[in-house]
C-alpha atoms as a PDB file:
ATOM      1  CA  MET A   1      87.656 102.353 180.386  1.00  0.00           C
ATOM      2  CA  GLY A   2      90.400 105.036 179.990  1.00  0.00           C
ATOM      3  CA  PHE A   3      93.536 104.704 180.678  1.00  0.00           C
ATOM      4  CA  GLY A   4      96.117 107.505 182.116  1.00  0.00           C
ATOM      5  CA  LYS A   5      94.529 111.247 181.784  1.00  0.00           C
ATOM      6  CA  ALA A   6      93.564 111.830 177.828  1.00  0.00           C
ATOM      7  CA  GLN A   7      94.639 115.260 176.385  1.00  0.00           C
ATOM      8  CA  PRO A   8      91.386 117.118 175.961  1.00  0.00           C
ATOM      9  CA  VAL A   9      91.268 118.504 172.161  1.00  0.00           C
ATOM     10  CA  THR A  10      88.887 121.217 170.677  1.00  0.00           C
ATOM     11  CA  LEU A  11      86.741 119.580 168.590  1.00  0.00           C
ATOM     12  CA  VAL A  12      85.123 121.532 165.772  1.00  0.00           C
ATOM     13  CA  ALA A  13      82.193 119.749 163.128  1.00  0.00           C
ATOM     14  CA  THR A  14      79.706 120.462 160.744  1.00  0.00           C
ATOM     15  CA  LEU A  15      76.506 118.563 162.017  1.00  0.00           C
ATOM     16  CA  ALA A  16      73.543 116.746 160.445  1.00  0.00           C
ATOM     17  CA  ASP A  17      70.462 118.972 161.341  1.00  0.00           C
ATOM     18  CA  ASP A  18      69.428 115.739 164.055  1.00  0.00           C
ATOM     19  CA  LEU A  19      72.393 115.234 165.527  1.00  0.00           C
ATOM     20  CA  ALA A  20      73.267 118.932 166.081  1.00  0.00           C
ATOM     21  CA  ALA A  21      69.781 118.782 167.655  1.00  0.00           C
ATOM     22  CA  TYR A  22      71.056 115.241 169.851  1.00  0.00           C
ATOM     23  CA  LEU A  23      73.829 116.890 171.157  1.00  0.00           C
ATOM     24  CA  THR A  24      71.964 120.199 171.988  1.00  0.00           C
ATOM     25  CA  GLU A  25      69.922 118.364 174.155  1.00  0.00           C
ATOM     26  CA  THR A  26      72.802 115.791 175.216  1.00  0.00           C
ATOM     27  CA  PRO A  27      76.227 117.847 175.310  1.00  0.00           C
ATOM     28  CA  LEU A  28      79.816 116.530 174.837  1.00  0.00           C
ATOM     29  CA  ALA A  29      81.502 119.007 177.250  1.00  0.00           C
ATOM     30  CA  ARG A  30      80.633 122.825 179.382  1.00  0.00           C
ATOM     31  CA  ASP A  31      82.237 124.217 176.471  1.00  0.00           C
ATOM     32  CA  GLN A  32      80.459 123.227 173.939  1.00  0.00           C
ATOM     33  CA  ARG A  33      78.412 125.787 171.001  1.00  0.00           C
ATOM     34  CA  ILE A  34      76.365 124.625 168.242  1.00  0.00           C
ATOM     35  CA  GLU A  35      76.316 127.252 165.952  1.00  0.00           C
ATOM     36  CA  ARG A  36      73.656 128.164 162.903  1.00  0.00           C
ATOM     37  CA  VAL A  37      75.820 128.549 159.561  1.00  0.00           C
ATOM     38  CA  GLY A  38      74.103 129.139 156.511  1.00  0.00           C
ATOM     39  CA  GLU A  39      72.215 125.212 155.848  1.00  0.00           C
ATOM     40  CA  ARG A  40      74.757 123.534 158.487  1.00  0.00           C
ATOM     41  CA  TYR A  41      75.444 123.184 161.873  1.00  0.00           C
ATOM     42  CA  VAL A  42      79.038 123.999 163.429  1.00  0.00           C
ATOM     43  CA  LEU A  43      79.929 122.018 166.857  1.00  0.00           C
ATOM     44  CA  ARG A  44      83.216 123.324 168.692  1.00  0.00           C
ATOM     45  CA  ALA A  45      83.643 121.642 172.268  1.00  0.00           C
ATOM     46  CA  THR A  46      87.016 120.634 174.116  1.00  0.00           C
ATOM     47  CA  VAL A  47      86.932 117.260 174.714  1.00  0.00           C
ATOM     48  CA  PRO A  48      88.883 114.069 175.732  1.00  0.00           C
ATOM     49  CA  ASN A  49      91.108 112.404 173.293  1.00  0.00           C
ATOM     50  CA  THR A  50      90.436 109.223 174.322  1.00  0.00           C
ATOM     51  CA  TRP A  51      90.164 106.471 172.209  1.00  0.00           C
ATOM     52  CA  GLN A  52      86.477 105.501 173.063  1.00  0.00           C
ATOM     53  CA  GLN A  53      85.763 109.526 172.156  1.00  0.00           C
ATOM     54  CA  GLN A  54      87.228 108.594 168.704  1.00  0.00           C
ATOM     55  CA  TRP A  55      85.549 105.794 168.034  1.00  0.00           C
ATOM     56  CA  TRP A  56      82.803 107.588 168.913  1.00  0.00           C
ATOM     57  CA  ILE A  57      82.571 110.247 166.922  1.00  0.00           C
ATOM     58  CA  LEU A  58      84.056 108.104 163.505  1.00  0.00           C
ATOM     59  CA  SER A  59      80.661 106.289 164.521  1.00  0.00           C
ATOM     60  CA  LEU A  60      78.862 109.128 163.253  1.00  0.00           C
ATOM     61  CA  GLY A  61      79.799 109.133 159.862  1.00  0.00           C
ATOM     62  CA  GLU A  62      78.527 111.776 156.733  1.00  0.00           C
ATOM     63  CA  LYS A  63      76.393 113.188 160.423  1.00  0.00           C
ATOM     64  CA  CYS A  64      79.173 114.826 161.436  1.00  0.00           C
ATOM     65  CA  ILE A  65      82.081 115.600 159.443  1.00  0.00           C
ATOM     66  CA  VAL A  66      85.362 116.832 161.760  1.00  0.00           C
ATOM     67  CA  HIS A  67      87.475 119.476 161.134  1.00  0.00           C
ATOM     68  CA  GLU A  68      89.410 119.634 163.855  1.00  0.00           C
ATOM     69  CA  PRO A  69      92.160 117.954 165.361  1.00  0.00           C
ATOM     70  CA  THR A  70      93.713 117.374 162.108  1.00  0.00           C
ATOM     71  CA  ASP A  71      94.524 114.061 162.918  1.00  0.00           C
ATOM     72  CA  LEU A  72      90.999 112.761 163.979  1.00  0.00           C
ATOM     73  CA  ARG A  73      90.058 114.808 160.810  1.00  0.00           C
ATOM     74  CA  GLU A  74      92.842 112.220 158.615  1.00  0.00           C
ATOM     75  CA  LYS A  75      91.200 109.308 160.406  1.00  0.00           C
ATOM     76  CA  SER A  76      87.774 110.260 158.972  1.00  0.00           C
ATOM     77  CA  PRO A  77      86.296 108.471 155.471  1.00  0.00           C
ATOM     78  CA  PRO A  78      85.835 110.832 152.967  1.00  0.00           C
ATOM     79  CA  ARG A  79      82.432 112.329 152.720  1.00  0.00           C
ATOM     80  CA  SER A  80      80.461 114.185 150.159  1.00  0.00           C
ATOM     81  CA  ALA A  81      80.138 117.473 150.016  1.00  0.00           C
ATOM     82  CA  ALA A  82      75.999 117.129 151.292  1.00  0.00           C
ATOM     83  CA  LEU A  83      75.005 116.088 155.288  1.00  0.00           C
ATOM     84  CA  PRO A  84      71.713 114.011 155.435  1.00  0.00           C
END
């Protein structure tokens, strides 16, 4: 359902434990990395910059706190400091 060729972007986000486990089993991209940083998980992956991908990421709510790309972070609703 995508129109045209989407430019890839690097997604960097903090993940809730259950989402990190899910994405470990079902990666978003071949170059995906999920690293434990303190008590949280940080995702880094190159993903297509499509509205479908953005919608899915934003639909995750506080389970996925977007750090990059900046335009996607700015579309995200304000987040609390704690992840579920």
